[in-house]
Amino acid sequence: MTSWHVGVAAEAFVAAQFARFRYDVSVQYGANQPEYDLIAVSGDKMLKISVKGSQDGGWGLTQSYKKGCDYHEAIQKWLDSHHRKTIFCLAQFQETADNEMPRMYLASPDEIAEVMNASAGGRGDTILYEYHKWGPRAAGSGTIDRIPDKWKFTAERAQYMFETYGQ
């Protein structure tokens, strides 16, 4: 898939999963969208969701913030650029069959920044990895980065996100 197809497919799967869990969903289309791609609603609570799709095992989130600073500073700049009530849904298509849903995760900007800062043995990185074992020559040699299990997009995780970040 092209990166455009990954993005469109990710948004569609995320919207479908929220709808499957009985949330009302509104998807934004077109250029120059604000910080979020879709809104999910439960009763009088609304959740703004930024969708990030990937087919290579990771999500490059802070590369554009890296110039002239270290990884931790880039992650902080990325974090500062996001509203704390907007959550992220990460969709991973790597090694999924055409008839399978992508693996999906829900996380807040603060949760993502915490994991990214711990990446590569604490050096930090510009990529949030679903699973990555650092090789012998890497800064994080011998360490493994992975998405926390609690981020899996389940009905319980979605409800937690509404209770914690819903407006």
C-alpha atoms as a PDB file:
ATOM      1  CA  MET A   1       0.000   0.000   0.000  1.00  0.00           C
ATOM      2  CA  THR A   2       1.095   3.565  -0.511  1.00  0.00           C
ATOM      3  CA  SER A   3       1.294   5.842   2.532  1.00  0.00           C
ATOM      4  CA  TRP A   4      -1.948   7.474   1.355  1.00  0.00           C
ATOM      5  CA  HIS A   5      -3.707   4.083   1.299  1.00  0.00           C
ATOM      6  CA  VAL A   6      -2.333   3.271   4.756  1.00  0.00           C
ATOM      7  CA  GLY A   7      -3.719   6.537   6.132  1.00  0.00           C
ATOM      8  CA  VAL A   8      -7.158   6.110   4.567  1.00  0.00           C
ATOM      9  CA  ALA A   9      -7.393   2.467   5.634  1.00  0.00           C
ATOM     10  CA  ALA A  10      -6.233   3.272   9.180  1.00  0.00           C
ATOM     11  CA  GLU A  11      -8.900   5.955   9.611  1.00  0.00           C
ATOM     12  CA  ALA A  12     -11.593   3.627   8.259  1.00  0.00           C
ATOM     13  CA  PHE A  13     -10.623   0.756  10.575  1.00  0.00           C
ATOM     14  CA  VAL A  14     -10.405   3.041  13.610  1.00  0.00           C
ATOM     15  CA  ALA A  15     -13.808   4.599  12.870  1.00  0.00           C
ATOM     16  CA  ALA A  16     -15.283   1.129  12.364  1.00  0.00           C
ATOM     17  CA  GLN A  17     -13.863  -0.159  15.646  1.00  0.00           C
ATOM     18  CA  PHE A  18     -15.287   2.755  17.648  1.00  0.00           C
ATOM     19  CA  ALA A  19     -18.657   2.227  15.919  1.00  0.00           C
ATOM     20  CA  ARG A  20     -18.413  -1.497  16.678  1.00  0.00           C
ATOM     21  CA  PHE A  21     -18.100  -0.580  20.370  1.00  0.00           C
ATOM     22  CA  ARG A  22     -21.303   1.479  20.002  1.00  0.00           C
ATOM     23  CA  TYR A  23     -19.811   4.965  19.903  1.00  0.00           C
ATOM     24  CA  ASP A  24     -21.087   7.603  17.507  1.00  0.00           C
ATOM     25  CA  VAL A  25     -18.303   8.542  15.101  1.00  0.00           C
ATOM     26  CA  SER A  26     -17.724  11.598  12.934  1.00  0.00           C
ATOM     27  CA  VAL A  27     -14.845  11.464  10.443  1.00  0.00           C
ATOM     28  CA  GLN A  28     -13.216  14.573   8.992  1.00  0.00           C
ATOM     29  CA  TYR A  29     -12.176  14.511   5.363  1.00  0.00           C
ATOM     30  CA  GLY A  30     -10.104  16.896   3.299  1.00  0.00           C
ATOM     31  CA  ALA A  31      -6.905  18.864   3.613  1.00  0.00           C
ATOM     32  CA  ASN A  32      -5.811  21.060   6.514  1.00  0.00           C
ATOM     33  CA  GLN A  33      -7.564  19.110   9.227  1.00  0.00           C
ATOM     34  CA  PRO A  34      -7.022  20.221  12.816  1.00  0.00           C
ATOM     35  CA  GLU A  35      -5.139  18.070  15.283  1.00  0.00           C
ATOM     36  CA  TYR A  36      -7.591  15.177  15.108  1.00  0.00           C
ATOM     37  CA  ASP A  37      -8.955  12.952  12.341  1.00  0.00           C
ATOM     38  CA  LEU A  38     -12.185  11.796  13.900  1.00  0.00           C
ATOM     39  CA  ILE A  39     -14.451  12.307  16.882  1.00  0.00           C
ATOM     40  CA  ALA A  40     -16.127   9.571  18.895  1.00  0.00           C
ATOM     41  CA  VAL A  41     -19.065  10.420  21.131  1.00  0.00           C
ATOM     42  CA  SER A  42     -20.557   8.612  24.104  1.00  0.00           C
ATOM     43  CA  GLY A  43     -23.519  10.318  25.750  1.00  0.00           C
ATOM     44  CA  ASP A  44     -22.369  13.860  26.446  1.00  0.00           C
ATOM     45  CA  LYS A  45     -18.635  13.045  26.204  1.00  0.00           C
ATOM     46  CA  MET A  46     -16.593  13.570  23.064  1.00  0.00           C
ATOM     47  CA  LEU A  47     -13.144  12.161  22.301  1.00  0.00           C
ATOM     48  CA  LYS A  48     -10.864  13.707  19.675  1.00  0.00           C
ATOM     49  CA  ILE A  49      -8.731  11.079  17.964  1.00  0.00           C
ATOM     50  CA  SER A  50      -5.619  11.439  15.826  1.00  0.00           C
ATOM     51  CA  VAL A  51      -5.099   8.328  13.694  1.00  0.00           C
ATOM     52  CA  LYS A  52      -1.635   7.122  12.693  1.00  0.00           C
ATOM     53  CA  GLY A  53      -1.285   4.171  10.343  1.00  0.00           C
ATOM     54  CA  SER A  54       1.827   2.114   9.625  1.00  0.00           C
ATOM     55  CA  GLN A  55       2.832  -0.932   7.642  1.00  0.00           C
ATOM     56  CA  ASP A  56       6.475  -1.165   8.776  1.00  0.00           C
ATOM     57  CA  GLY A  57       6.228  -1.826  12.524  1.00  0.00           C
ATOM     58  CA  GLY A  58       6.630   1.738  13.762  1.00  0.00           C
ATOM     59  CA  TRP A  59       5.227   5.228  13.689  1.00  0.00           C
ATOM     60  CA  GLY A  60       7.607   8.082  12.920  1.00  0.00           C
ATOM     61  CA  LEU A  61       6.271  10.828  15.145  1.00  0.00           C
ATOM     62  CA  THR A  62       9.055  13.247  16.029  1.00  0.00           C
ATOM     63  CA  GLN A  63      11.408  13.418  13.017  1.00  0.00           C
ATOM     64  CA  SER A  64      10.265  16.903  12.080  1.00  0.00           C
ATOM     65  CA  TYR A  65      11.123  18.136  15.593  1.00  0.00           C
ATOM     66  CA  LYS A  66      14.640  16.618  15.709  1.00  0.00           C
ATOM     67  CA  LYS A  67      16.679  19.279  13.888  1.00  0.00           C
ATOM     68  CA  GLY A  68      19.158  20.908  16.268  1.00  0.00           C
ATOM     69  CA  CYS A  69      18.162  18.961  19.366  1.00  0.00           C
ATOM     70  CA  ASP A  70      18.446  15.530  20.970  1.00  0.00           C
ATOM     71  CA  TYR A  71      15.744  12.856  20.982  1.00  0.00           C
ATOM     72  CA  HIS A  72      14.269  13.880  24.339  1.00  0.00           C
ATOM     73  CA  GLU A  73      14.010  17.518  23.279  1.00  0.00           C
ATOM     74  CA  ALA A  74      12.341  16.482  20.007  1.00  0.00           C
ATOM     75  CA  ILE A  75       9.861  14.320  21.907  1.00  0.00           C
ATOM     76  CA  GLN A  76       9.089  17.239  24.234  1.00  0.00           C
ATOM     77  CA  LYS A  77       8.538  19.571  21.268  1.00  0.00           C
ATOM     78  CA  TRP A  78       6.178  16.965  19.753  1.00  0.00           C
ATOM     79  CA  LEU A  79       4.350  16.635  23.066  1.00  0.00           C
ATOM     80  CA  ASP A  80       4.033  20.415  23.428  1.00  0.00           C
ATOM     81  CA  SER A  81       2.454  20.601  19.967  1.00  0.00           C
ATOM     82  CA  HIS A  82      -0.479  18.325  20.944  1.00  0.00           C
ATOM     83  CA  HIS A  83      -3.499  19.030  23.058  1.00  0.00           C
ATOM     84  CA  ARG A  84      -3.459  16.675  26.061  1.00  0.00           C
ATOM     85  CA  LYS A  85      -7.129  15.733  25.561  1.00  0.00           C
ATOM     86  CA  THR A  86      -6.558  14.504  21.989  1.00  0.00           C
ATOM     87  CA  ILE A  87      -5.719  10.818  21.985  1.00  0.00           C
ATOM     88  CA  PHE A  88      -3.933   8.748  19.367  1.00  0.00           C
ATOM     89  CA  CYS A  89      -5.073   5.565  17.737  1.00  0.00           C
ATOM     90  CA  LEU A  90      -2.181   3.676  16.167  1.00  0.00           C
ATOM     91  CA  ALA A  91      -3.026   1.143  13.447  1.00  0.00           C
ATOM     92  CA  GLN A  92      -0.396  -1.386  12.365  1.00  0.00           C
ATOM     93  CA  PHE A  93      -0.783  -3.291   9.078  1.00  0.00           C
ATOM     94  CA  GLN A  94       2.600  -5.069   9.087  1.00  0.00           C
ATOM     95  CA  GLU A  95       2.171  -8.835   8.705  1.00  0.00           C
ATOM     96  CA  THR A  96      -1.631  -8.675   8.547  1.00  0.00           C
ATOM     97  CA  ALA A  97      -3.481 -10.613   5.876  1.00  0.00           C
ATOM     98  CA  ASP A  98      -5.889  -8.798   3.559  1.00  0.00           C
ATOM     99  CA  ASN A  99      -8.832 -10.306   5.465  1.00  0.00           C
ATOM    100  CA  GLU A 100      -7.532  -9.275   8.917  1.00  0.00           C
ATOM    101  CA  MET A 101      -7.947  -6.074  10.871  1.00  0.00           C
ATOM    102  CA  PRO A 102      -4.786  -4.145  11.705  1.00  0.00           C
ATOM    103  CA  ARG A 103      -3.538  -4.247  15.277  1.00  0.00           C
ATOM    104  CA  MET A 104      -4.732  -1.052  16.959  1.00  0.00           C
ATOM    105  CA  TYR A 105      -3.693   0.821  20.083  1.00  0.00           C
ATOM    106  CA  LEU A 106      -5.066   3.808  22.015  1.00  0.00           C
ATOM    107  CA  ALA A 107      -2.698   6.151  23.861  1.00  0.00           C
ATOM    108  CA  SER A 108      -2.487   9.694  25.123  1.00  0.00           C
ATOM    109  CA  PRO A 109       0.300  12.049  24.012  1.00  0.00           C
ATOM    110  CA  ASP A 110       1.851  11.776  27.499  1.00  0.00           C
ATOM    111  CA  GLU A 111       1.851   7.961  27.350  1.00  0.00           C
ATOM    112  CA  ILE A 112       3.458   8.014  23.907  1.00  0.00           C
ATOM    113  CA  ALA A 113       6.131  10.503  25.007  1.00  0.00           C
ATOM    114  CA  GLU A 114       6.968   8.344  28.046  1.00  0.00           C
ATOM    115  CA  VAL A 115       7.506   5.236  25.890  1.00  0.00           C
ATOM    116  CA  MET A 116       9.477   7.157  23.257  1.00  0.00           C
ATOM    117  CA  ASN A 117      11.754   8.698  25.903  1.00  0.00           C
ATOM    118  CA  ALA A 118      12.524   5.211  27.258  1.00  0.00           C
ATOM    119  CA  SER A 119      13.258   3.881  23.749  1.00  0.00           C
ATOM    120  CA  ALA A 120      16.740   2.670  22.768  1.00  0.00           C
ATOM    121  CA  GLY A 121      17.726   1.995  26.351  1.00  0.00           C
ATOM    122  CA  GLY A 122      16.709   5.488  27.476  1.00  0.00           C
ATOM    123  CA  ARG A 123      18.343   7.439  24.646  1.00  0.00           C
ATOM    124  CA  GLY A 124      14.967   8.100  23.047  1.00  0.00           C
ATOM    125  CA  ASP A 125      14.044   7.846  19.375  1.00  0.00           C
ATOM    126  CA  THR A 126      11.933   9.525  16.692  1.00  0.00           C
ATOM    127  CA  ILE A 127       9.996   6.314  16.044  1.00  0.00           C
ATOM    128  CA  LEU A 128       7.443   4.640  18.284  1.00  0.00           C
ATOM    129  CA  TYR A 129       7.918   0.921  17.671  1.00  0.00           C
ATOM    130  CA  GLU A 130       5.296  -1.766  18.042  1.00  0.00           C
ATOM    131  CA  TYR A 131       8.169  -4.194  18.723  1.00  0.00           C
ATOM    132  CA  HIS A 132      11.867  -3.575  18.116  1.00  0.00           C
ATOM    133  CA  LYS A 133      14.944  -5.367  19.434  1.00  0.00           C
ATOM    134  CA  TRP A 134      18.035  -3.161  19.287  1.00  0.00           C
ATOM    135  CA  GLY A 135      21.070  -4.799  17.663  1.00  0.00           C
ATOM    136  CA  PRO A 136      24.587  -5.057  19.074  1.00  0.00           C
ATOM    137  CA  ARG A 137      25.810  -1.794  17.495  1.00  0.00           C
ATOM    138  CA  ALA A 138      22.795   0.319  18.473  1.00  0.00           C
ATOM    139  CA  ALA A 139      22.626   2.836  21.300  1.00  0.00           C
ATOM    140  CA  GLY A 140      20.013   0.631  22.979  1.00  0.00           C
ATOM    141  CA  SER A 141      21.920  -2.604  22.352  1.00  0.00           C
ATOM    142  CA  GLY A 142      20.107  -5.607  23.794  1.00  0.00           C
ATOM    143  CA  THR A 143      16.968  -3.706  24.790  1.00  0.00           C
ATOM    144  CA  ILE A 144      13.505  -4.274  23.391  1.00  0.00           C
ATOM    145  CA  ASP A 145      10.983  -1.523  22.710  1.00  0.00           C
ATOM    146  CA  ARG A 146       7.318  -2.484  22.520  1.00  0.00           C
ATOM    147  CA  ILE A 147       3.863  -0.999  22.772  1.00  0.00           C
ATOM    148  CA  PRO A 148       2.434  -1.607  26.257  1.00  0.00           C
ATOM    149  CA  ASP A 149      -0.252  -4.314  26.309  1.00  0.00           C
ATOM    150  CA  LYS A 150      -2.650  -1.962  28.088  1.00  0.00           C
ATOM    151  CA  TRP A 151      -2.760   0.214  24.931  1.00  0.00           C
ATOM    152  CA  LYS A 152      -4.559  -2.490  22.895  1.00  0.00           C
ATOM    153  CA  PHE A 153      -7.773  -1.082  21.432  1.00  0.00           C
ATOM    154  CA  THR A 154     -10.338  -2.976  23.472  1.00  0.00           C
ATOM    155  CA  ALA A 155     -13.778  -1.883  24.658  1.00  0.00           C
ATOM    156  CA  GLU A 156     -12.290  -1.423  28.133  1.00  0.00           C
ATOM    157  CA  ARG A 157      -9.419   0.726  26.863  1.00  0.00           C
ATOM    158  CA  ALA A 158     -11.833   2.872  24.824  1.00  0.00           C
ATOM    159  CA  GLN A 159     -14.026   3.382  27.893  1.00  0.00           C
ATOM    160  CA  TYR A 160     -10.956   4.325  29.952  1.00  0.00           C
ATOM    161  CA  MET A 161      -9.974   6.895  27.317  1.00  0.00           C
ATOM    162  CA  PHE A 162     -13.473   8.406  27.408  1.00  0.00           C
ATOM    163  CA  GLU A 163     -13.451   8.598  31.198  1.00  0.00           C
ATOM    164  CA  THR A 164      -9.957  10.094  31.309  1.00  0.00           C
ATOM    165  CA  TYR A 165      -9.782  12.299  28.197  1.00  0.00           C
ATOM    166  CA  GLY A 166     -13.403  12.767  27.073  1.00  0.00           C
ATOM    167  CA  GLN A 167     -14.643  16.349  26.994  1.00  0.00           C
END
